Amino acid sequence: MIKPQPGDMFRIPVPFRDDFFQSKLRPVVVLKDLGNGMFLVAPVTGTNLTGLQSGLWISKNSPEGKSMNLTKDSFIIVDAKYKWPSYALIDYWGRCNLVEELLSKLK
């Protein structure tokens, strides 16, 4: 298996914020390698959260949306970041070239 790199996207079961026992398969963007096989990832949603949460709104038809393999306009939520083990990043989704901009929005 190839080591995930910042900007790689995978589809993983992201837990619901109000019930960690439930999850939904969502694409996530790898933001950072935290070491020891752990990565910081940010989930992607189809809801535009601009002004409500830190992140970026991406049009599916933009060059970035196409490289990310988006099926709909999407928001990358850096406020909802997760620490995720590399062994669980198995369903490769696409590539996001906006990692530096996303990292600048981390609180």
C-alpha atoms as a PDB file:
ATOM      1  CA  MET A   1       0.000   0.000   0.000  1.00  0.00           C
ATOM      2  CA  ILE A   2       1.217   3.493  -0.864  1.00  0.00           C
ATOM      3  CA  LYS A   3       1.542   5.907   2.062  1.00  0.00           C
ATOM      4  CA  PRO A   4      -1.196   8.580   1.961  1.00  0.00           C
ATOM      5  CA  GLN A   5       0.036  12.086   1.174  1.00  0.00           C
ATOM      6  CA  PRO A   6      -1.494  15.469   2.062  1.00  0.00           C
ATOM      7  CA  GLY A   7      -4.082  16.211  -0.612  1.00  0.00           C
ATOM      8  CA  ASP A   8      -5.015  12.575  -1.209  1.00  0.00           C
ATOM      9  CA  MET A   9      -8.718  11.888  -0.837  1.00  0.00           C
ATOM     10  CA  PHE A  10     -10.348   8.735   0.457  1.00  0.00           C
ATOM     11  CA  ARG A  11     -13.884   7.661   1.262  1.00  0.00           C
ATOM     12  CA  ILE A  12     -14.252   6.599   4.898  1.00  0.00           C
ATOM     13  CA  PRO A  13     -17.073   6.090   7.432  1.00  0.00           C
ATOM     14  CA  VAL A  14     -17.177   9.535   9.087  1.00  0.00           C
ATOM     15  CA  PRO A  15     -18.893   9.452  12.494  1.00  0.00           C
ATOM     16  CA  PHE A  16     -21.845  11.753  13.137  1.00  0.00           C
ATOM     17  CA  ARG A  17     -20.936  14.594  15.498  1.00  0.00           C
ATOM     18  CA  ASP A  18     -23.906  13.971  17.794  1.00  0.00           C
ATOM     19  CA  ASP A  19     -23.710  10.130  17.741  1.00  0.00           C
ATOM     20  CA  PHE A  20     -20.250   8.597  17.306  1.00  0.00           C
ATOM     21  CA  PHE A  21     -21.817   5.132  17.038  1.00  0.00           C
ATOM     22  CA  GLN A  22     -23.284   6.056  13.643  1.00  0.00           C
ATOM     23  CA  SER A  23     -21.382   7.062  10.539  1.00  0.00           C
ATOM     24  CA  LYS A  24     -21.776   7.901   6.871  1.00  0.00           C
ATOM     25  CA  LEU A  25     -19.378   7.138   4.033  1.00  0.00           C
ATOM     26  CA  ARG A  26     -17.907  10.457   2.920  1.00  0.00           C
ATOM     27  CA  PRO A  27     -14.862  11.629   1.053  1.00  0.00           C
ATOM     28  CA  VAL A  28     -12.151  13.179   3.209  1.00  0.00           C
ATOM     29  CA  VAL A  29      -9.032  15.155   2.345  1.00  0.00           C
ATOM     30  CA  VAL A  30      -5.736  14.208   4.016  1.00  0.00           C
ATOM     31  CA  LEU A  31      -4.398  17.436   5.535  1.00  0.00           C
ATOM     32  CA  LYS A  32      -1.327  16.294   7.485  1.00  0.00           C
ATOM     33  CA  ASP A  33       0.767  13.272   8.346  1.00  0.00           C
ATOM     34  CA  LEU A  34       0.737  13.231  12.171  1.00  0.00           C
ATOM     35  CA  GLY A  35       3.271  10.413  12.433  1.00  0.00           C
ATOM     36  CA  ASN A  36       2.897   6.902  13.830  1.00  0.00           C
ATOM     37  CA  GLY A  37       0.490   5.986  11.020  1.00  0.00           C
ATOM     38  CA  MET A  38      -2.035   8.708  11.917  1.00  0.00           C
ATOM     39  CA  PHE A  39      -3.325  11.410   9.582  1.00  0.00           C
ATOM     40  CA  LEU A  40      -5.400  14.554  10.014  1.00  0.00           C
ATOM     41  CA  VAL A  41      -8.348  14.431   7.595  1.00  0.00           C
ATOM     42  CA  ALA A  42     -11.172  16.869   6.781  1.00  0.00           C
ATOM     43  CA  PRO A  43     -14.588  15.601   5.647  1.00  0.00           C
ATOM     44  CA  VAL A  44     -16.358  16.744   2.493  1.00  0.00           C
ATOM     45  CA  THR A  45     -20.106  17.489   2.428  1.00  0.00           C
ATOM     46  CA  GLY A  46     -22.606  18.605  -0.193  1.00  0.00           C
ATOM     47  CA  THR A  47     -23.907  21.348   2.104  1.00  0.00           C
ATOM     48  CA  ASN A  48     -22.477  24.836   1.608  1.00  0.00           C
ATOM     49  CA  LEU A  49     -21.255  25.851   5.057  1.00  0.00           C
ATOM     50  CA  THR A  50     -19.502  29.045   3.944  1.00  0.00           C
ATOM     51  CA  GLY A  51     -19.714  31.567   6.794  1.00  0.00           C
ATOM     52  CA  LEU A  52     -20.785  28.851   9.251  1.00  0.00           C
ATOM     53  CA  GLN A  53     -17.646  26.734   9.425  1.00  0.00           C
ATOM     54  CA  SER A  54     -14.043  27.028   8.271  1.00  0.00           C
ATOM     55  CA  GLY A  55     -13.350  25.387   4.949  1.00  0.00           C
ATOM     56  CA  LEU A  56     -13.734  25.761   1.206  1.00  0.00           C
ATOM     57  CA  TRP A  57     -16.681  25.505  -1.188  1.00  0.00           C
ATOM     58  CA  ILE A  58     -15.654  23.707  -4.401  1.00  0.00           C
ATOM     59  CA  SER A  59     -17.683  23.556  -7.617  1.00  0.00           C
ATOM     60  CA  LYS A  60     -17.782  20.045  -9.094  1.00  0.00           C
ATOM     61  CA  ASN A  61     -17.173  21.516 -12.578  1.00  0.00           C
ATOM     62  CA  SER A  62     -14.090  23.499 -11.571  1.00  0.00           C
ATOM     63  CA  PRO A  63     -10.636  22.088 -12.362  1.00  0.00           C
ATOM     64  CA  GLU A  64     -10.203  21.373  -8.637  1.00  0.00           C
ATOM     65  CA  GLY A  65     -13.606  19.682  -8.397  1.00  0.00           C
ATOM     66  CA  LYS A  66     -12.721  17.461 -11.336  1.00  0.00           C
ATOM     67  CA  SER A  67      -9.361  16.421  -9.845  1.00  0.00           C
ATOM     68  CA  MET A  68     -11.224  15.644  -6.613  1.00  0.00           C
ATOM     69  CA  ASN A  69     -13.764  13.505  -8.539  1.00  0.00           C
ATOM     70  CA  LEU A  70     -16.650  15.444  -6.993  1.00  0.00           C
ATOM     71  CA  THR A  71     -20.117  14.333  -8.060  1.00  0.00           C
ATOM     72  CA  LYS A  72     -21.690  17.520  -6.663  1.00  0.00           C
ATOM     73  CA  ASP A  73     -20.600  20.945  -5.454  1.00  0.00           C
ATOM     74  CA  SER A  74     -18.992  20.330  -2.068  1.00  0.00           C
ATOM     75  CA  PHE A  75     -17.611  21.954   1.067  1.00  0.00           C
ATOM     76  CA  ILE A  76     -14.400  20.744   2.741  1.00  0.00           C
ATOM     77  CA  ILE A  77     -14.936  21.207   6.492  1.00  0.00           C
ATOM     78  CA  VAL A  78     -11.631  21.884   8.248  1.00  0.00           C
ATOM     79  CA  ASP A  79     -13.469  22.562  11.542  1.00  0.00           C
ATOM     80  CA  ALA A  80     -14.615  18.923  11.575  1.00  0.00           C
ATOM     81  CA  LYS A  81     -11.150  17.398  11.274  1.00  0.00           C
ATOM     82  CA  TYR A  82     -10.413  13.867  12.484  1.00  0.00           C
ATOM     83  CA  LYS A  83      -7.300  11.896  13.356  1.00  0.00           C
ATOM     84  CA  TRP A  84      -7.479   8.770  11.196  1.00  0.00           C
ATOM     85  CA  PRO A  85      -5.178   5.725  10.964  1.00  0.00           C
ATOM     86  CA  SER A  86      -3.483   5.033   7.648  1.00  0.00           C
ATOM     87  CA  TYR A  87      -4.716   1.416   7.549  1.00  0.00           C
ATOM     88  CA  ALA A  88      -8.307   2.737   7.386  1.00  0.00           C
ATOM     89  CA  LEU A  89      -7.608   5.006   4.375  1.00  0.00           C
ATOM     90  CA  ILE A  90      -8.309   2.357   1.750  1.00  0.00           C
ATOM     91  CA  ASP A  91     -10.912   3.683  -0.699  1.00  0.00           C
ATOM     92  CA  TYR A  92      -8.952   6.230  -2.800  1.00  0.00           C
ATOM     93  CA  TRP A  93     -11.232   8.992  -4.113  1.00  0.00           C
ATOM     94  CA  GLY A  94      -9.156  11.725  -5.821  1.00  0.00           C
ATOM     95  CA  ARG A  95      -6.667  14.509  -5.306  1.00  0.00           C
ATOM     96  CA  CYS A  96      -7.122  17.947  -3.687  1.00  0.00           C
ATOM     97  CA  ASN A  97      -4.456  20.527  -4.492  1.00  0.00           C
ATOM     98  CA  LEU A  98      -5.718  23.071  -1.942  1.00  0.00           C
ATOM     99  CA  VAL A  99      -4.074  21.654   1.194  1.00  0.00           C
ATOM    100  CA  GLU A 100      -2.073  24.795   2.029  1.00  0.00           C
ATOM    101  CA  GLU A 101      -5.217  26.923   1.781  1.00  0.00           C
ATOM    102  CA  LEU A 102      -7.150  24.425   3.927  1.00  0.00           C
ATOM    103  CA  LEU A 103      -4.379  24.323   6.543  1.00  0.00           C
ATOM    104  CA  SER A 104      -4.430  28.125   6.754  1.00  0.00           C
ATOM    105  CA  LYS A 105      -8.082  27.866   7.855  1.00  0.00           C
ATOM    106  CA  LEU A 106      -7.416  25.473  10.756  1.00  0.00           C
ATOM    107  CA  LYS A 107      -8.280  26.935  14.146  1.00  0.00           C
END
